[in-house]
Structures are given as structure tokens and as C-alpha cells.
């Protein structure tokens, strides 16, 4: 039981990574026999499936407001693209 909190944290981090990797999939974590519902976590995608929306739902709107979404693509063969949410210095400051 001593490592239950650490294990739960590791599982949540894994689910956060899955939410970013698969923004159109719903994820739900329920901790059975938990003292409160604070340990439970749900990610439910909307129709837009943008990474900024995922960031707001996973890490919170305040942290996501300091980020920006970037896409890098290679149009030559083999074609590929990377979509990322990156922390932006100075973004979100008033």
C-alpha cells in the first residue's frame, strides 16, 4: 500500500500521454475504494480533437494558455508530420 500513490501517479502519466497520442479516444480512470473522487480522472474528447484542447483538459487551462501548437511536416517521401504542444516563453502573460 505504501507505493499505491506512486503507482497511481505513474498510471495517470501514462493516460495523459495516451490522451495526447490519441486525442479522439475517451479515457477514464476510476480508483475503487478511494476515500474521495479526487483520484478519478476522465478525458472526453470533443469534435475538434486539437492538441491545445487536450492540453487544457489534461494539464489545465492555465498551463495550456502558456503553450502553443506547432506542426512540422516533410512533404517528400517518406511523408511524415509531427504535431506538438510546446511551452512558449512570454505567452499568456498579462
N, C-alpha and C. Protein backbone atom coordinates (compact mmCIF):
# COMPACT_ATOMS: atom_id res chain seq x y z
N UNK A 1 0.81 -1.20 0.00
CA UNK A 1 0.00 0.00 0.00
C UNK A 1 0.86 1.27 0.00
N UNK A 2 2.10 1.14 0.46
CA UNK A 2 2.95 2.32 0.51
C UNK A 2 3.22 2.89 -0.88
N UNK A 3 3.32 2.03 -1.87
CA UNK A 3 3.64 2.50 -3.22
C UNK A 3 2.39 2.71 -4.08
N UNK A 4 1.20 2.61 -3.49
CA UNK A 4 -0.04 2.76 -4.26
C UNK A 4 -0.14 4.16 -4.87
N UNK A 5 0.21 5.19 -4.12
CA UNK A 5 0.16 6.55 -4.64
C UNK A 5 1.11 6.77 -5.79
N UNK A 6 2.31 6.21 -5.66
CA UNK A 6 3.31 6.33 -6.73
C UNK A 6 2.85 5.59 -7.98
N UNK A 7 2.28 4.40 -7.79
CA UNK A 7 1.78 3.62 -8.92
C UNK A 7 0.62 4.33 -9.60
N UNK A 8 -0.27 4.92 -8.82
CA UNK A 8 -1.39 5.67 -9.38
C UNK A 8 -0.90 6.87 -10.18
N UNK A 9 0.11 7.55 -9.69
CA UNK A 9 0.70 8.68 -10.42
C UNK A 9 1.31 8.25 -11.74
N UNK A 10 1.97 7.10 -11.74
CA UNK A 10 2.56 6.57 -12.96
C UNK A 10 1.48 6.21 -13.98
N UNK A 11 0.39 5.63 -13.51
CA UNK A 11 -0.72 5.28 -14.40
C UNK A 11 -1.35 6.53 -14.99
N UNK A 12 -1.53 7.57 -14.17
CA UNK A 12 -2.10 8.83 -14.68
C UNK A 12 -1.20 9.45 -15.74
N UNK A 13 0.11 9.44 -15.54
CA UNK A 13 1.04 9.98 -16.53
C UNK A 13 0.92 9.21 -17.84
N UNK A 14 0.78 7.90 -17.75
CA UNK A 14 0.61 7.08 -18.94
C UNK A 14 -0.68 7.43 -19.67
N UNK A 15 -1.76 7.62 -18.93
CA UNK A 15 -3.04 8.01 -19.54
C UNK A 15 -2.96 9.40 -20.16
N UNK A 16 -2.23 10.32 -19.53
CA UNK A 16 -2.04 11.65 -20.11
C UNK A 16 -1.34 11.54 -21.45
N UNK A 17 -0.30 10.71 -21.52
CA UNK A 17 0.44 10.52 -22.77
C UNK A 17 -0.47 9.91 -23.83
N UNK A 18 -1.30 8.94 -23.44
CA UNK A 18 -2.24 8.33 -24.39
C UNK A 18 -3.25 9.37 -24.89
N UNK A 19 -3.70 10.27 -24.03
CA UNK A 19 -4.65 11.30 -24.44
C UNK A 19 -4.05 12.20 -25.52
N UNK A 20 -2.76 12.54 -25.37
CA UNK A 20 -2.10 13.36 -26.39
C UNK A 20 -1.88 12.56 -27.67
N UNK A 21 -1.56 11.28 -27.54
CA UNK A 21 -1.30 10.45 -28.72
C UNK A 21 -2.58 10.11 -29.47
N UNK A 22 -3.68 9.96 -28.77
CA UNK A 22 -4.96 9.58 -29.37
C UNK A 22 -6.04 10.54 -28.91
N UNK A 23 -6.05 11.80 -29.40
CA UNK A 23 -6.98 12.82 -28.90
C UNK A 23 -8.45 12.52 -29.17
N UNK A 24 -8.77 11.56 -30.02
CA UNK A 24 -10.16 11.24 -30.30
C UNK A 24 -10.72 10.11 -29.45
N UNK A 25 -9.90 9.58 -28.52
CA UNK A 25 -10.31 8.44 -27.71
C UNK A 25 -10.62 8.91 -26.29
N UNK A 26 -11.69 8.37 -25.70
CA UNK A 26 -12.07 8.71 -24.33
C UNK A 26 -11.29 7.82 -23.36
N UNK A 27 -10.76 8.43 -22.29
CA UNK A 27 -10.05 7.70 -21.25
C UNK A 27 -10.71 7.98 -19.91
N UNK A 28 -10.81 6.94 -19.08
CA UNK A 28 -11.47 7.07 -17.80
C UNK A 28 -10.72 6.22 -16.78
N UNK A 29 -10.31 6.83 -15.68
CA UNK A 29 -9.65 6.12 -14.59
C UNK A 29 -10.51 6.25 -13.34
N UNK A 30 -10.93 5.14 -12.80
CA UNK A 30 -11.72 5.11 -11.57
C UNK A 30 -10.92 4.35 -10.52
N UNK A 31 -10.70 4.96 -9.38
CA UNK A 31 -9.99 4.32 -8.28
C UNK A 31 -11.03 3.73 -7.35
N UNK A 32 -11.07 2.42 -7.32
CA UNK A 32 -12.04 1.74 -6.47
C UNK A 32 -11.60 1.82 -5.02
N UNK A 33 -12.57 1.98 -4.15
CA UNK A 33 -12.35 2.06 -2.71
C UNK A 33 -11.49 3.26 -2.33
N UNK A 34 -11.49 4.29 -3.17
CA UNK A 34 -10.77 5.52 -2.84
C UNK A 34 -11.58 6.32 -1.83
N UNK A 35 -10.88 7.08 -0.98
CA UNK A 35 -11.58 7.86 0.05
C UNK A 35 -12.39 9.00 -0.55
N UNK A 36 -11.92 9.54 -1.68
CA UNK A 36 -12.65 10.61 -2.37
C UNK A 36 -12.62 10.33 -3.87
N UNK A 37 -13.39 11.12 -4.60
CA UNK A 37 -13.40 11.00 -6.06
C UNK A 37 -12.29 11.82 -6.71
N UNK A 38 -11.46 12.49 -5.91
CA UNK A 38 -10.38 13.32 -6.46
C UNK A 38 -9.35 12.50 -7.22
N UNK A 39 -9.25 11.22 -6.92
CA UNK A 39 -8.27 10.37 -7.59
C UNK A 39 -8.73 9.93 -8.97
N UNK A 40 -10.04 10.03 -9.23
CA UNK A 40 -10.58 9.63 -10.53
C UNK A 40 -10.21 10.67 -11.58
N UNK A 41 -10.11 10.23 -12.83
CA UNK A 41 -9.76 11.13 -13.93
C UNK A 41 -10.46 10.68 -15.20
N UNK A 42 -10.99 11.65 -15.95
CA UNK A 42 -11.66 11.35 -17.21
C UNK A 42 -11.21 12.35 -18.26
N UNK A 43 -10.92 11.85 -19.45
CA UNK A 43 -10.67 12.69 -20.62
C UNK A 43 -11.71 12.31 -21.65
N UNK A 44 -12.54 13.28 -22.03
CA UNK A 44 -13.56 13.07 -23.05
C UNK A 44 -13.31 14.05 -24.19
N UNK A 45 -12.98 13.56 -25.38
CA UNK A 45 -12.66 14.45 -26.49
C UNK A 45 -13.91 15.14 -27.04
N UNK A 46 -13.67 16.29 -27.66
CA UNK A 46 -14.76 16.96 -28.38
C UNK A 46 -14.55 16.70 -29.87
N UNK A 47 -15.35 17.31 -30.68
CA UNK A 47 -15.27 17.06 -32.12
C UNK A 47 -14.01 17.65 -32.76
N UNK A 48 -13.38 18.66 -32.13
CA UNK A 48 -12.21 19.29 -32.75
C UNK A 48 -10.94 18.47 -32.61
N UNK A 49 -10.76 17.81 -31.51
CA UNK A 49 -9.60 16.94 -31.25
C UNK A 49 -8.27 17.68 -31.40
N UNK A 50 -8.21 18.96 -31.07
CA UNK A 50 -6.95 19.69 -31.18
C UNK A 50 -6.06 19.40 -29.97
N UNK A 51 -4.75 19.48 -30.18
CA UNK A 51 -3.82 19.22 -29.09
C UNK A 51 -3.92 20.28 -28.00
N UNK A 52 -4.27 21.51 -28.36
CA UNK A 52 -4.43 22.55 -27.34
C UNK A 52 -5.61 22.23 -26.43
N UNK A 53 -6.65 21.67 -26.99
CA UNK A 53 -7.80 21.26 -26.18
C UNK A 53 -7.41 20.11 -25.25
N UNK A 54 -6.64 19.18 -25.77
CA UNK A 54 -6.15 18.07 -24.94
C UNK A 54 -5.31 18.62 -23.80
N UNK A 55 -4.41 19.55 -24.11
CA UNK A 55 -3.56 20.15 -23.08
C UNK A 55 -4.40 20.83 -22.00
N UNK A 56 -5.44 21.57 -22.41
CA UNK A 56 -6.29 22.25 -21.43
C UNK A 56 -7.00 21.25 -20.53
N UNK A 57 -7.43 20.13 -21.09
CA UNK A 57 -8.14 19.13 -20.30
C UNK A 57 -7.20 18.30 -19.42
N UNK A 58 -5.98 18.07 -19.89
CA UNK A 58 -5.05 17.21 -19.15
C UNK A 58 -4.29 17.99 -18.09
N UNK A 59 -3.67 19.10 -18.47
CA UNK A 59 -2.84 19.85 -17.51
C UNK A 59 -3.53 21.10 -16.98
N UNK A 60 -4.66 21.48 -17.55
CA UNK A 60 -5.41 22.64 -17.08
C UNK A 60 -5.29 23.81 -18.04
N UNK A 61 -6.32 24.64 -18.03
CA UNK A 61 -6.38 25.78 -18.96
C UNK A 61 -5.30 26.81 -18.66
N UNK A 62 -4.95 26.99 -17.39
CA UNK A 62 -3.93 27.98 -17.03
C UNK A 62 -2.57 27.62 -17.63
N UNK A 63 -2.16 26.39 -17.50
CA UNK A 63 -0.88 25.96 -18.07
C UNK A 63 -0.94 25.95 -19.59
N UNK A 64 -2.06 25.50 -20.15
CA UNK A 64 -2.20 25.45 -21.61
C UNK A 64 -2.16 26.85 -22.22
N UNK A 65 -2.56 27.86 -21.47
CA UNK A 65 -2.52 29.23 -22.01
C UNK A 65 -1.09 29.72 -22.22
N UNK A 66 -0.11 29.03 -21.64
CA UNK A 66 1.30 29.37 -21.81
C UNK A 66 1.97 28.52 -22.89
N UNK A 67 1.16 27.84 -23.69
CA UNK A 67 1.68 26.94 -24.72
C UNK A 67 1.19 27.35 -26.10
N UNK A 68 1.80 26.79 -27.12
CA UNK A 68 1.33 26.96 -28.49
C UNK A 68 1.49 25.65 -29.23
N UNK A 69 0.67 25.47 -30.24
CA UNK A 69 0.67 24.23 -31.03
C UNK A 69 1.53 24.42 -32.27
N UNK A 70 2.40 23.46 -32.55
CA UNK A 70 3.28 23.52 -33.70
C UNK A 70 3.15 22.24 -34.52
N UNK A 71 3.27 22.38 -35.83
CA UNK A 71 3.28 21.22 -36.73
C UNK A 71 4.49 21.33 -37.65
N UNK A 72 5.22 20.25 -37.75
CA UNK A 72 6.37 20.17 -38.65
C UNK A 72 6.08 19.03 -39.62
N UNK A 73 6.20 19.29 -40.92
CA UNK A 73 5.88 18.27 -41.92
C UNK A 73 7.01 18.14 -42.93
N UNK A 74 7.13 16.95 -43.47
CA UNK A 74 8.04 16.67 -44.58
C UNK A 74 7.17 16.19 -45.74
N UNK A 75 7.17 16.94 -46.82
CA UNK A 75 6.31 16.62 -47.96
C UNK A 75 6.93 15.62 -48.92
N UNK A 76 8.24 15.39 -48.81
CA UNK A 76 8.91 14.43 -49.67
C UNK A 76 8.67 13.01 -49.13
N UNK A 77 8.96 12.02 -49.95
CA UNK A 77 8.82 10.63 -49.50
C UNK A 77 9.95 10.27 -48.55
N UNK A 78 9.79 9.61 -47.49
CA UNK A 78 8.50 9.24 -46.90
C UNK A 78 7.88 10.45 -46.21
N UNK A 79 6.59 10.64 -46.39
CA UNK A 79 5.89 11.79 -45.80
C UNK A 79 5.62 11.53 -44.33
N UNK A 80 5.81 12.56 -43.53
CA UNK A 80 5.52 12.46 -42.11
C UNK A 80 5.23 13.84 -41.55
N UNK A 81 4.64 13.88 -40.39
CA UNK A 81 4.42 15.15 -39.72
C UNK A 81 4.42 14.93 -38.21
N UNK A 82 4.83 15.95 -37.50
CA UNK A 82 4.86 15.93 -36.04
C UNK A 82 3.97 17.07 -35.56
N UNK A 83 3.04 16.75 -34.68
CA UNK A 83 2.17 17.75 -34.06
C UNK A 83 2.56 17.81 -32.59
N UNK A 84 2.81 19.02 -32.07
CA UNK A 84 3.29 19.14 -30.70
C UNK A 84 2.69 20.37 -30.02
N UNK A 85 2.60 20.31 -28.71
CA UNK A 85 2.24 21.45 -27.88
C UNK A 85 3.50 21.81 -27.11
N UNK A 86 3.96 23.05 -27.29
CA UNK A 86 5.21 23.49 -26.70
C UNK A 86 4.98 24.67 -25.77
N UNK A 87 5.78 24.74 -24.71
CA UNK A 87 5.71 25.88 -23.80
C UNK A 87 6.29 27.08 -24.52
N UNK A 88 5.60 28.20 -24.44
CA UNK A 88 6.03 29.42 -25.09
C UNK A 88 6.42 30.46 -24.05
N UNK A 89 7.64 30.91 -24.07
CA UNK A 89 8.10 31.93 -23.13
C UNK A 89 7.36 33.23 -23.42
N UNK A 90 6.76 33.79 -22.40
CA UNK A 90 6.06 35.07 -22.54
C UNK A 90 4.61 34.95 -22.97
N UNK A 91 4.16 33.80 -23.40
CA UNK A 91 2.78 33.64 -23.83
C UNK A 91 1.88 33.51 -22.61
N UNK A 92 0.71 34.14 -22.67
CA UNK A 92 -0.26 34.04 -21.60
C UNK A 92 -0.04 35.05 -20.49
N UNK A 93 1.02 35.85 -20.59
CA UNK A 93 1.26 36.88 -19.56
C UNK A 93 0.42 38.10 -19.84
N UNK A 94 -0.02 38.74 -18.79
CA UNK A 94 -0.82 39.97 -18.94
C UNK A 94 0.00 41.20 -18.70
